[in-house]
Amino acid sequence: MRVVIQRVTQASVTVEKEIVGQIGQGLLVLLGIEAADTTEDLDWLLNKTLNLRIFNDLEGVMNKSLLETGGDLLVISQFTLMAATKKGNRPSYIRAAKHDHAIPIYEAFCQKAEALIGKTVAKGIFGADMKVALLNDGPVTIQIDSKNRE
């Protein structure tokens, strides 16, 4: 499981010209799920995401997490995060989970996040053609892979 986390002052996702999810200050999380992902990957990655100290404290130092700031969360499914680019110039998505495996993990990620942050998590629509708009704050962009826990 992979995430790209962006600290934002605002973000939204639009499907067929309708905004289906939007947030103010918080995190935009692009979530890629592979066939080998388990609930252990989900729990580890969600904990890491919500506890990353990437929001400024009163001294302007990145020392606070989303949980501490009470910020918003927008989670977008993105199978292209699982792209393999080793051979040639056309990415391979063979590692990306099929819908029957990925959707329950995506939904569980969002539901567990809601329980932990105590508010609704904004979401895209799984598998839809989505347009994501954001105002990256910093900019702060971090990527994490549950299979490569650096």
Protein backbone atom coordinates (compact mmCIF):
# COMPACT_ATOMS: atom_id res chain seq x y z
CA MET A 1 0.00 0.00 0.00
CA ARG A 2 1.33 3.40 -0.94
CA VAL A 3 0.26 6.92 -0.12
CA VAL A 4 1.22 10.32 -1.35
CA ILE A 5 0.34 12.79 1.39
CA GLN A 6 -0.01 16.48 0.66
CA ARG A 7 -0.50 19.12 3.33
CA VAL A 8 -3.13 21.46 1.93
CA THR A 9 -4.99 24.61 2.81
CA GLN A 10 -7.86 23.31 0.66
CA ALA A 11 -8.58 20.45 -1.71
CA SER A 12 -11.50 19.04 -3.66
CA VAL A 13 -12.37 16.19 -5.99
CA THR A 14 -14.82 16.50 -8.85
CA VAL A 15 -16.56 13.71 -10.79
CA GLU A 16 -18.63 14.56 -13.88
CA LYS A 17 -18.50 18.30 -13.05
CA GLU A 18 -19.83 17.75 -9.50
CA ILE A 19 -17.71 18.22 -6.38
CA VAL A 20 -18.01 14.95 -4.46
CA GLY A 21 -15.51 15.73 -1.71
CA GLN A 22 -13.76 18.81 -0.38
CA ILE A 23 -11.77 19.91 2.63
CA GLY A 24 -10.16 22.95 4.16
CA GLN A 25 -6.83 22.80 5.99
CA GLY A 26 -5.60 19.24 6.35
CA LEU A 27 -4.27 16.36 4.30
CA LEU A 28 -4.98 15.13 0.80
CA VAL A 29 -4.08 11.43 0.69
CA LEU A 30 -3.69 9.60 -2.61
CA LEU A 31 -3.99 5.90 -1.78
CA GLY A 32 -2.67 3.05 -3.93
CA ILE A 33 -3.51 -0.54 -3.02
CA GLU A 34 -1.72 -3.64 -4.30
CA ALA A 35 -2.90 -7.23 -4.37
CA ALA A 36 -0.59 -8.25 -1.50
CA ASP A 37 -1.91 -5.60 0.93
CA THR A 38 -3.46 -6.70 4.22
CA THR A 39 -5.15 -5.07 7.18
CA GLU A 40 -1.71 -4.90 8.80
CA ASP A 41 -0.55 -2.65 5.94
CA LEU A 42 -3.70 -0.58 6.29
CA ASP A 43 -3.37 -0.09 10.05
CA TRP A 44 0.35 0.73 9.89
CA LEU A 45 -0.07 3.21 7.04
CA LEU A 46 -3.12 4.90 8.53
CA ASN A 47 -1.38 5.32 11.88
CA LYS A 48 1.69 6.76 10.16
CA THR A 49 -0.41 9.13 8.05
CA LEU A 50 -2.51 10.54 10.87
CA ASN A 51 0.44 10.92 13.24
CA LEU A 52 2.95 12.49 10.82
CA ARG A 53 4.16 15.69 12.43
CA ILE A 54 3.98 17.91 9.36
CA PHE A 55 1.87 20.82 10.61
CA ASN A 56 3.47 23.89 12.12
CA ASP A 57 3.45 24.57 15.84
CA LEU A 58 3.37 28.11 17.31
CA GLU A 59 7.08 28.55 16.50
CA GLY A 60 6.56 27.63 12.83
CA VAL A 61 8.23 24.21 13.21
CA MET A 62 6.59 21.14 11.65
CA ASN A 63 5.81 19.46 14.96
CA LYS A 64 2.07 18.70 14.95
CA SER A 65 0.03 15.90 13.39
CA LEU A 66 -3.38 15.93 11.76
CA LEU A 67 -4.76 14.39 14.95
CA GLU A 68 -3.33 17.25 17.01
CA THR A 69 -4.50 20.03 14.69
CA GLY A 70 -8.00 18.68 14.05
CA GLY A 71 -7.49 19.16 10.32
CA ASP A 72 -9.56 17.67 7.53
CA LEU A 73 -8.81 14.58 5.46
CA LEU A 74 -9.54 13.84 1.79
CA VAL A 75 -8.71 10.31 0.57
CA ILE A 76 -8.54 9.52 -3.14
CA SER A 77 -8.01 6.01 -4.53
CA GLN A 78 -5.21 6.02 -7.11
CA PHE A 79 -4.13 2.72 -8.64
CA THR A 80 -1.42 4.49 -10.67
CA LEU A 81 0.66 4.78 -7.49
CA MET A 82 1.38 1.07 -7.96
CA ALA A 83 2.96 1.66 -11.39
CA ALA A 84 6.09 -0.31 -12.24
CA THR A 85 8.34 1.62 -14.61
CA LYS A 86 11.42 -0.61 -14.73
CA LYS A 87 10.89 -1.80 -18.30
CA GLY A 88 10.21 0.51 -21.20
CA ASN A 89 8.20 3.70 -21.07
CA ARG A 90 4.70 2.32 -20.57
CA PRO A 91 3.92 1.83 -16.87
CA SER A 92 2.68 -1.57 -15.76
CA TYR A 93 -0.12 -1.74 -13.19
CA ILE A 94 0.04 -5.48 -12.62
CA ARG A 95 0.70 -4.95 -8.88
CA ALA A 96 -2.43 -2.83 -8.43
CA ALA A 97 -5.20 -4.68 -6.61
CA LYS A 98 -8.36 -5.63 -8.47
CA HIS A 99 -11.59 -3.93 -7.39
CA ASP A 100 -12.81 -6.85 -5.26
CA HIS A 101 -9.68 -6.57 -3.07
CA ALA A 102 -9.02 -2.83 -3.26
CA ILE A 103 -12.48 -1.41 -2.55
CA PRO A 104 -12.89 -3.04 0.90
CA ILE A 105 -9.39 -1.87 1.90
CA TYR A 106 -10.06 1.67 0.64
CA GLU A 107 -13.39 1.79 2.50
CA ALA A 108 -11.80 0.40 5.68
CA PHE A 109 -9.02 3.01 5.47
CA CYS A 110 -11.62 5.78 5.29
CA GLN A 111 -13.85 4.33 8.02
CA LYS A 112 -10.96 3.79 10.43
CA ALA A 113 -9.68 7.30 9.68
CA GLU A 114 -13.11 8.75 10.50
CA ALA A 115 -13.15 6.94 13.83
CA LEU A 116 -9.68 8.21 14.69
CA ILE A 117 -10.10 11.85 13.65
CA GLY A 118 -13.67 12.10 14.90
CA LYS A 119 -15.13 13.62 11.74
CA THR A 120 -16.21 12.71 8.23
CA VAL A 121 -13.46 11.87 5.77
CA ALA A 122 -14.01 13.40 2.33
CA LYS A 123 -13.58 10.90 -0.49
CA GLY A 124 -13.51 10.52 -4.20
CA ILE A 125 -15.42 7.82 -6.04
CA PHE A 126 -13.47 4.60 -6.44
CA GLY A 127 -12.66 3.88 -10.07
CA ALA A 128 -14.17 7.12 -11.38
CA ASP A 129 -12.46 9.65 -13.61
CA MET A 130 -11.70 12.25 -10.94
CA LYS A 131 -10.38 15.79 -11.15
CA VAL A 132 -8.44 16.71 -8.01
CA ALA A 133 -7.74 20.34 -7.14
CA LEU A 134 -5.54 21.38 -4.26
CA LEU A 135 -3.59 24.22 -2.77
CA ASN A 136 -0.45 22.53 -1.43
CA ASP A 137 0.68 24.20 1.79
CA GLY A 138 4.44 24.58 2.04
CA PRO A 139 4.63 22.72 -0.27
CA VAL A 140 4.70 19.59 1.87
CA THR A 141 4.41 16.29 -0.03
CA ILE A 142 5.44 12.94 1.47
CA GLN A 143 5.22 9.42 0.07
CA ILE A 144 5.09 6.28 2.18
CA ASP A 145 5.04 2.61 1.19
CA SER A 146 3.90 0.00 3.73
CA LYS A 147 6.22 -2.55 2.12
CA ASN A 148 9.26 -0.28 2.47
CA ARG A 149 9.00 1.10 6.00
CA GLU A 150 11.78 3.66 6.01
